[in-house]
Amino acid sequence: MLGMMFTDKECKELDYLLRKEMDEMLVDMSDRRLDGPIKEAISRRYKIIFRMYARIAPPRELSRYALGLKTQH
């Protein structure tokens, strides 16, 4: 495990980056042109990014992205 300390400004930037990345992956997951193996890879990556986001996100925001975990196949 790796520990890191961030300033408040850095935390906000990390929050923004993780949210934008998850938003992009959710859009990709809804793209019907992508096949199963690609969607599975995106889903695995989404779960990792979501766990990172869960460490810094307020519960209300976290629940918004937790729905993305349920809609993925």
PDB file of N, CA and C in Angstrom:
ATOM      1  N   MET A   1       0.845  -1.170   0.000  1.00  0.00           N
ATOM      2  CA  MET A   1       0.000   0.000   0.000  1.00  0.00           C
ATOM      3  C   MET A   1       0.891   1.234   0.000  1.00  0.00           C
ATOM      4  N   LEU A   2       0.453   2.236  -0.694  1.00  0.00           N
ATOM      5  CA  LEU A   2       1.197   3.479  -0.815  1.00  0.00           C
ATOM      6  C   LEU A   2       0.377   4.599  -0.198  1.00  0.00           C
ATOM      7  N   GLY A   3       0.977   5.344   0.690  1.00  0.00           N
ATOM      8  CA  GLY A   3       0.293   6.481   1.291  1.00  0.00           C
ATOM      9  C   GLY A   3       0.766   7.776   0.656  1.00  0.00           C
ATOM     10  N   MET A   4      -0.157   8.698   0.487  1.00  0.00           N
ATOM     11  CA  MET A   4       0.187   9.983  -0.102  1.00  0.00           C
ATOM     12  C   MET A   4      -0.540  11.084   0.656  1.00  0.00           C
ATOM     13  N   MET A   5       0.098  12.219   0.755  1.00  0.00           N
ATOM     14  CA  MET A   5      -0.548  13.377   1.373  1.00  0.00           C
ATOM     15  C   MET A   5      -0.763  14.426   0.286  1.00  0.00           C
ATOM     16  N   PHE A   6      -1.968  14.975   0.257  1.00  0.00           N
ATOM     17  CA  PHE A   6      -2.317  15.981  -0.729  1.00  0.00           C
ATOM     18  C   PHE A   6      -2.782  17.246  -0.026  1.00  0.00           C
ATOM     19  N   THR A   7      -2.536  18.365  -0.657  1.00  0.00           N
ATOM     20  CA  THR A   7      -3.113  19.617  -0.172  1.00  0.00           C
ATOM     21  C   THR A   7      -4.594  19.623  -0.555  1.00  0.00           C
ATOM     22  N   ASP A   8      -5.340  20.566  -0.008  1.00  0.00           N
ATOM     23  CA  ASP A   8      -6.761  20.662  -0.341  1.00  0.00           C
ATOM     24  C   ASP A   8      -6.949  20.885  -1.841  1.00  0.00           C
ATOM     25  N   LYS A   9      -6.125  21.729  -2.416  1.00  0.00           N
ATOM     26  CA  LYS A   9      -6.221  22.005  -3.855  1.00  0.00           C
ATOM     27  C   LYS A   9      -5.916  20.750  -4.673  1.00  0.00           C
ATOM     28  N   GLU A  10      -4.931  19.983  -4.248  1.00  0.00           N
ATOM     29  CA  GLU A  10      -4.598  18.745  -4.952  1.00  0.00           C
ATOM     30  C   GLU A  10      -5.722  17.717  -4.826  1.00  0.00           C
ATOM     31  N   CYS A  11      -6.358  17.658  -3.672  1.00  0.00           N
ATOM     32  CA  CYS A  11      -7.503  16.751  -3.490  1.00  0.00           C
ATOM     33  C   CYS A  11      -8.638  17.113  -4.429  1.00  0.00           C
ATOM     34  N   LYS A  12      -8.897  18.386  -4.563  1.00  0.00           N
ATOM     35  CA  LYS A  12      -9.955  18.828  -5.469  1.00  0.00           C
ATOM     36  C   LYS A  12      -9.621  18.465  -6.911  1.00  0.00           C
ATOM     37  N   GLU A  13      -8.370  18.605  -7.277  1.00  0.00           N
ATOM     38  CA  GLU A  13      -7.946  18.249  -8.636  1.00  0.00           C
ATOM     39  C   GLU A  13      -8.062  16.742  -8.861  1.00  0.00           C
ATOM     40  N   LEU A  14      -7.651  15.958  -7.888  1.00  0.00           N
ATOM     41  CA  LEU A  14      -7.769  14.502  -7.992  1.00  0.00           C
ATOM     42  C   LEU A  14      -9.238  14.102  -8.092  1.00  0.00           C
ATOM     43  N   ASP A  15     -10.081  14.717  -7.293  1.00  0.00           N
ATOM     44  CA  ASP A  15     -11.519  14.467  -7.343  1.00  0.00           C
ATOM     45  C   ASP A  15     -12.046  14.733  -8.753  1.00  0.00           C
ATOM     46  N   TYR A  16     -11.672  15.868  -9.314  1.00  0.00           N
ATOM     47  CA  TYR A  16     -12.106  16.242 -10.660  1.00  0.00           C
ATOM     48  C   TYR A  16     -11.628  15.217 -11.697  1.00  0.00           C
ATOM     49  N   LEU A  17     -10.370  14.847 -11.626  1.00  0.00           N
ATOM     50  CA  LEU A  17      -9.813  13.898 -12.598  1.00  0.00           C
ATOM     51  C   LEU A  17     -10.510  12.534 -12.530  1.00  0.00           C
ATOM     52  N   LEU A  18     -10.728  12.051 -11.330  1.00  0.00           N
ATOM     53  CA  LEU A  18     -11.376  10.751 -11.180  1.00  0.00           C
ATOM     54  C   LEU A  18     -12.822  10.789 -11.673  1.00  0.00           C
ATOM     55  N   ARG A  19     -13.542  11.861 -11.352  1.00  0.00           N
ATOM     56  CA  ARG A  19     -14.923  11.977 -11.819  1.00  0.00           C
ATOM     57  C   ARG A  19     -14.992  12.027 -13.338  1.00  0.00           C
ATOM     58  N   LYS A  20     -14.125  12.813 -13.944  1.00  0.00           N
ATOM     59  CA  LYS A  20     -14.133  12.918 -15.402  1.00  0.00           C
ATOM     60  C   LYS A  20     -13.790  11.585 -16.053  1.00  0.00           C
ATOM     61  N   GLU A  21     -12.856  10.874 -15.477  1.00  0.00           N
ATOM     62  CA  GLU A  21     -12.485   9.563 -16.019  1.00  0.00           C
ATOM     63  C   GLU A  21     -13.658   8.584 -15.908  1.00  0.00           C
ATOM     64  N   MET A  22     -14.346   8.588 -14.772  1.00  0.00           N
ATOM     65  CA  MET A  22     -15.504   7.698 -14.624  1.00  0.00           C
ATOM     66  C   MET A  22     -16.626   8.100 -15.567  1.00  0.00           C
ATOM     67  N   ASP A  23     -16.839   9.394 -15.757  1.00  0.00           N
ATOM     68  CA  ASP A  23     -17.857   9.852 -16.711  1.00  0.00           C
ATOM     69  C   ASP A  23     -17.558   9.333 -18.113  1.00  0.00           C
ATOM     70  N   GLU A  24     -16.301   9.425 -18.508  1.00  0.00           N
ATOM     71  CA  GLU A  24     -15.895   8.934 -19.837  1.00  0.00           C
ATOM     72  C   GLU A  24     -16.135   7.425 -19.957  1.00  0.00           C
ATOM     73  N   MET A  25     -15.800   6.696 -18.917  1.00  0.00           N
ATOM     74  CA  MET A  25     -15.985   5.244 -18.967  1.00  0.00           C
ATOM     75  C   MET A  25     -17.460   4.873 -19.016  1.00  0.00           C
ATOM     76  N   LEU A  26     -18.311   5.613 -18.316  1.00  0.00           N
ATOM     77  CA  LEU A  26     -19.746   5.342 -18.372  1.00  0.00           C
ATOM     78  C   LEU A  26     -20.291   5.577 -19.773  1.00  0.00           C
ATOM     79  N   VAL A  27     -19.803   6.612 -20.428  1.00  0.00           N
ATOM     80  CA  VAL A  27     -20.208   6.863 -21.820  1.00  0.00           C
ATOM     81  C   VAL A  27     -19.745   5.705 -22.697  1.00  0.00           C
ATOM     82  N   ASP A  28     -18.511   5.269 -22.512  1.00  0.00           N
ATOM     83  CA  ASP A  28     -17.996   4.145 -23.297  1.00  0.00           C
ATOM     84  C   ASP A  28     -18.802   2.871 -23.061  1.00  0.00           C
ATOM     85  N   MET A  29     -19.199   2.650 -21.807  1.00  0.00           N
ATOM     86  CA  MET A  29     -19.959   1.442 -21.497  1.00  0.00           C
ATOM     87  C   MET A  29     -21.338   1.438 -22.164  1.00  0.00           C
ATOM     88  N   SER A  30     -21.867   2.600 -22.455  1.00  0.00           N
ATOM     89  CA  SER A  30     -23.176   2.663 -23.106  1.00  0.00           C
ATOM     90  C   SER A  30     -23.062   2.631 -24.640  1.00  0.00           C
ATOM     91  N   ASP A  31     -21.843   2.639 -25.154  1.00  0.00           N
ATOM     92  CA  ASP A  31     -21.614   2.611 -26.598  1.00  0.00           C
ATOM     93  C   ASP A  31     -21.847   1.189 -27.119  1.00  0.00           C
ATOM     94  N   ARG A  32     -22.853   1.022 -27.919  1.00  0.00           N
ATOM     95  CA  ARG A  32     -23.216  -0.307 -28.435  1.00  0.00           C
ATOM     96  C   ARG A  32     -22.209  -0.843 -29.450  1.00  0.00           C
ATOM     97  N   ARG A  33     -21.348   0.018 -29.941  1.00  0.00           N
ATOM     98  CA  ARG A  33     -20.357  -0.432 -30.922  1.00  0.00           C
ATOM     99  C   ARG A  33     -19.217  -1.206 -30.292  1.00  0.00           C
ATOM    100  N   LEU A  34     -19.048  -1.071 -28.976  1.00  0.00           N
ATOM    101  CA  LEU A  34     -17.966  -1.777 -28.296  1.00  0.00           C
ATOM    102  C   LEU A  34     -18.417  -3.183 -27.944  1.00  0.00           C
ATOM    103  N   ASP A  35     -17.517  -4.148 -28.133  1.00  0.00           N
ATOM    104  CA  ASP A  35     -17.892  -5.530 -27.863  1.00  0.00           C
ATOM    105  C   ASP A  35     -17.578  -5.936 -26.419  1.00  0.00           C
ATOM    106  N   GLY A  36     -17.917  -7.162 -26.078  1.00  0.00           N
ATOM    107  CA  GLY A  36     -17.811  -7.681 -24.721  1.00  0.00           C
ATOM    108  C   GLY A  36     -16.461  -7.530 -24.050  1.00  0.00           C
ATOM    109  N   PRO A  37     -15.364  -8.023 -24.668  1.00  0.00           N
ATOM    110  CA  PRO A  37     -14.062  -7.931 -23.999  1.00  0.00           C
ATOM    111  C   PRO A  37     -13.623  -6.495 -23.698  1.00  0.00           C
ATOM    112  N   ILE A  38     -13.953  -5.582 -24.581  1.00  0.00           N
ATOM    113  CA  ILE A  38     -13.587  -4.181 -24.366  1.00  0.00           C
ATOM    114  C   ILE A  38     -14.407  -3.611 -23.207  1.00  0.00           C
ATOM    115  N   LYS A  39     -15.695  -3.913 -23.189  1.00  0.00           N
ATOM    116  CA  LYS A  39     -16.542  -3.434 -22.097  1.00  0.00           C
ATOM    117  C   LYS A  39     -16.118  -4.043 -20.764  1.00  0.00           C
ATOM    118  N   GLU A  40     -15.694  -5.292 -20.773  1.00  0.00           N
ATOM    119  CA  GLU A  40     -15.217  -5.936 -19.544  1.00  0.00           C
ATOM    120  C   GLU A  40     -13.967  -5.233 -19.024  1.00  0.00           C
ATOM    121  N   ALA A  41     -13.061  -4.882 -19.920  1.00  0.00           N
ATOM    122  CA  ALA A  41     -11.839  -4.176 -19.528  1.00  0.00           C
ATOM    123  C   ALA A  41     -12.173  -2.804 -18.951  1.00  0.00           C
ATOM    124  N   ILE A  42     -13.105  -2.107 -19.575  1.00  0.00           N
ATOM    125  CA  ILE A  42     -13.529  -0.802 -19.070  1.00  0.00           C
ATOM    126  C   ILE A  42     -14.179  -0.964 -17.700  1.00  0.00           C
ATOM    127  N   SER A  43     -14.981  -1.996 -17.543  1.00  0.00           N
ATOM    128  CA  SER A  43     -15.662  -2.250 -16.273  1.00  0.00           C
ATOM    129  C   SER A  43     -14.649  -2.521 -15.151  1.00  0.00           C
ATOM    130  N   ARG A  44     -13.641  -3.322 -15.433  1.00  0.00           N
ATOM    131  CA  ARG A  44     -12.601  -3.589 -14.420  1.00  0.00           C
ATOM    132  C   ARG A  44     -11.885  -2.301 -14.040  1.00  0.00           C
ATOM    133  N   ARG A  45     -11.577  -1.487 -15.015  1.00  0.00           N
ATOM    134  CA  ARG A  45     -10.893  -0.221 -14.748  1.00  0.00           C
ATOM    135  C   ARG A  45     -11.803   0.737 -13.973  1.00  0.00           C
ATOM    136  N   TYR A  46     -13.081   0.747 -14.322  1.00  0.00           N
ATOM    137  CA  TYR A  46     -14.050   1.600 -13.625  1.00  0.00           C
ATOM    138  C   TYR A  46     -14.064   1.253 -12.135  1.00  0.00           C
ATOM    139  N   LYS A  47     -14.067  -0.024 -11.826  1.00  0.00           N
ATOM    140  CA  LYS A  47     -14.106  -0.452 -10.426  1.00  0.00           C
ATOM    141  C   LYS A  47     -12.877   0.024  -9.659  1.00  0.00           C
ATOM    142  N   ILE A  48     -11.734  -0.006 -10.295  1.00  0.00           N
ATOM    143  CA  ILE A  48     -10.503   0.470  -9.649  1.00  0.00           C
ATOM    144  C   ILE A  48     -10.578   1.974  -9.403  1.00  0.00           C
ATOM    145  N   ILE A  49     -10.965   2.727 -10.434  1.00  0.00           N
ATOM    146  CA  ILE A  49     -11.069   4.179 -10.311  1.00  0.00           C
ATOM    147  C   ILE A  49     -12.128   4.546  -9.269  1.00  0.00           C
ATOM    148  N   PHE A  50     -13.242   3.801  -9.260  1.00  0.00           N
ATOM    149  CA  PHE A  50     -14.298   4.066  -8.285  1.00  0.00           C
ATOM    150  C   PHE A  50     -13.781   3.873  -6.856  1.00  0.00           C
ATOM    151  N   ARG A  51     -13.014   2.819  -6.619  1.00  0.00           N
ATOM    152  CA  ARG A  51     -12.461   2.595  -5.273  1.00  0.00           C
ATOM    153  C   ARG A  51     -11.528   3.724  -4.870  1.00  0.00           C
ATOM    154  N   MET A  52     -10.767   4.245  -5.815  1.00  0.00           N
ATOM    155  CA  MET A  52      -9.904   5.390  -5.517  1.00  0.00           C
ATOM    156  C   MET A  52     -10.755   6.605  -5.160  1.00  0.00           C
ATOM    157  N   TYR A  53     -11.791   6.832  -5.955  1.00  0.00           N
ATOM    158  CA  TYR A  53     -12.676   7.978  -5.742  1.00  0.00           C
ATOM    159  C   TYR A  53     -13.398   7.863  -4.398  1.00  0.00           C
ATOM    160  N   ALA A  54     -13.752   6.658  -4.016  1.00  0.00           N
ATOM    161  CA  ALA A  54     -14.490   6.433  -2.771  1.00  0.00           C
ATOM    162  C   ALA A  54     -13.703   6.891  -1.546  1.00  0.00           C
ATOM    163  N   ARG A  55     -12.415   6.964  -1.653  1.00  0.00           N
ATOM    164  CA  ARG A  55     -11.586   7.382  -0.521  1.00  0.00           C
ATOM    165  C   ARG A  55     -11.648   8.883  -0.264  1.00  0.00           C
ATOM    166  N   ILE A  56     -12.064   9.656  -1.261  1.00  0.00           N
ATOM    167  CA  ILE A  56     -12.057  11.115  -1.093  1.00  0.00           C
ATOM    168  C   ILE A  56     -13.416  11.765  -1.319  1.00  0.00           C
ATOM    169  N   ALA A  57     -14.378  11.011  -1.839  1.00  0.00           N
ATOM    170  CA  ALA A  57     -15.659  11.603  -2.248  1.00  0.00           C
ATOM    171  C   ALA A  57     -16.656  11.689  -1.101  1.00  0.00           C
ATOM    172  N   PRO A  58     -17.481  12.732  -1.119  1.00  0.00           N
ATOM    173  CA  PRO A  58     -18.600  12.792  -0.182  1.00  0.00           C
ATOM    174  C   PRO A  58     -19.642  11.724  -0.558  1.00  0.00           C
ATOM    175  N   PRO A  59     -20.383  11.196   0.407  1.00  0.00           N
ATOM    176  CA  PRO A  59     -21.342  10.116   0.133  1.00  0.00           C
ATOM    177  C   PRO A  59     -22.336  10.417  -0.990  1.00  0.00           C
ATOM    178  N   ARG A  60     -22.811  11.639  -1.069  1.00  0.00           N
ATOM    179  CA  ARG A  60     -23.791  11.983  -2.116  1.00  0.00           C
ATOM    180  C   ARG A  60     -23.187  11.804  -3.510  1.00  0.00           C
ATOM    181  N   GLU A  61     -21.979  12.259  -3.696  1.00  0.00           N
ATOM    182  CA  GLU A  61     -21.304  12.099  -4.993  1.00  0.00           C
ATOM    183  C   GLU A  61     -20.963  10.640  -5.250  1.00  0.00           C
ATOM    184  N   LEU A  62     -20.576   9.952  -4.224  1.00  0.00           N
ATOM    185  CA  LEU A  62     -20.193   8.548  -4.360  1.00  0.00           C
ATOM    186  C   LEU A  62     -21.373   7.719  -4.847  1.00  0.00           C
ATOM    187  N   SER A  63     -22.553   7.982  -4.319  1.00  0.00           N
ATOM    188  CA  SER A  63     -23.725   7.209  -4.731  1.00  0.00           C
ATOM    189  C   SER A  63     -24.040   7.424  -6.203  1.00  0.00           C
ATOM    190  N   ARG A  64     -23.743   8.594  -6.707  1.00  0.00           N
ATOM    191  CA  ARG A  64     -23.976   8.882  -8.129  1.00  0.00           C
ATOM    192  C   ARG A  64     -23.155   7.948  -9.014  1.00  0.00           C
ATOM    193  N   TYR A  65     -21.920   7.710  -8.638  1.00  0.00           N
ATOM    194  CA  TYR A  65     -21.043   6.861  -9.439  1.00  0.00           C
ATOM    195  C   TYR A  65     -21.183   5.382  -9.097  1.00  0.00           C
ATOM    196  N   ALA A  66     -21.724   5.062  -7.934  1.00  0.00           N
ATOM    197  CA  ALA A  66     -21.971   3.666  -7.585  1.00  0.00           C
ATOM    198  C   ALA A  66     -23.022   3.068  -8.511  1.00  0.00           C
ATOM    199  N   LEU A  67     -23.935   3.905  -9.001  1.00  0.00           N
ATOM    200  CA  LEU A  67     -24.929   3.422  -9.946  1.00  0.00           C
ATOM    201  C   LEU A  67     -24.263   2.887 -11.205  1.00  0.00           C
ATOM    202  N   GLY A  68     -23.131   3.449 -11.582  1.00  0.00           N
ATOM    203  CA  GLY A  68     -22.401   2.971 -12.749  1.00  0.00           C
ATOM    204  C   GLY A  68     -21.889   1.558 -12.561  1.00  0.00           C
ATOM    205  N   LEU A  69     -21.641   1.172 -11.327  1.00  0.00           N
ATOM    206  CA  LEU A  69     -21.205  -0.200 -11.060  1.00  0.00           C
ATOM    207  C   LEU A  69     -22.324  -1.191 -11.319  1.00  0.00           C
ATOM    208  N   LYS A  70     -23.545  -0.783 -11.052  1.00  0.00           N
ATOM    209  CA  LYS A  70     -24.692  -1.675 -11.220  1.00  0.00           C
ATOM    210  C   LYS A  70     -25.134  -1.801 -12.663  1.00  0.00           C
ATOM    211  N   THR A  71     -24.928  -0.761 -13.464  1.00  0.00           N
ATOM    212  CA  THR A  71     -25.411  -0.778 -14.835  1.00  0.00           C
ATOM    213  C   THR A  71     -24.449  -1.471 -15.786  1.00  0.00           C
ATOM    214  N   GLN A  72     -23.265  -1.783 -15.311  1.00  0.00           N
ATOM    215  CA  GLN A  72     -22.283  -2.418 -16.185  1.00  0.00           C
ATOM    216  C   GLN A  72     -22.511  -3.916 -16.241  1.00  0.00           C
ATOM    217  N   HIS A  73     -22.233  -4.512 -17.380  1.00  0.00           N
ATOM    218  CA  HIS A  73     -22.370  -5.961 -17.546  1.00  0.00           C
ATOM    219  C   HIS A  73     -21.048  -6.572 -17.895  1.00  0.00           C
TER     220      HIS A  73
END
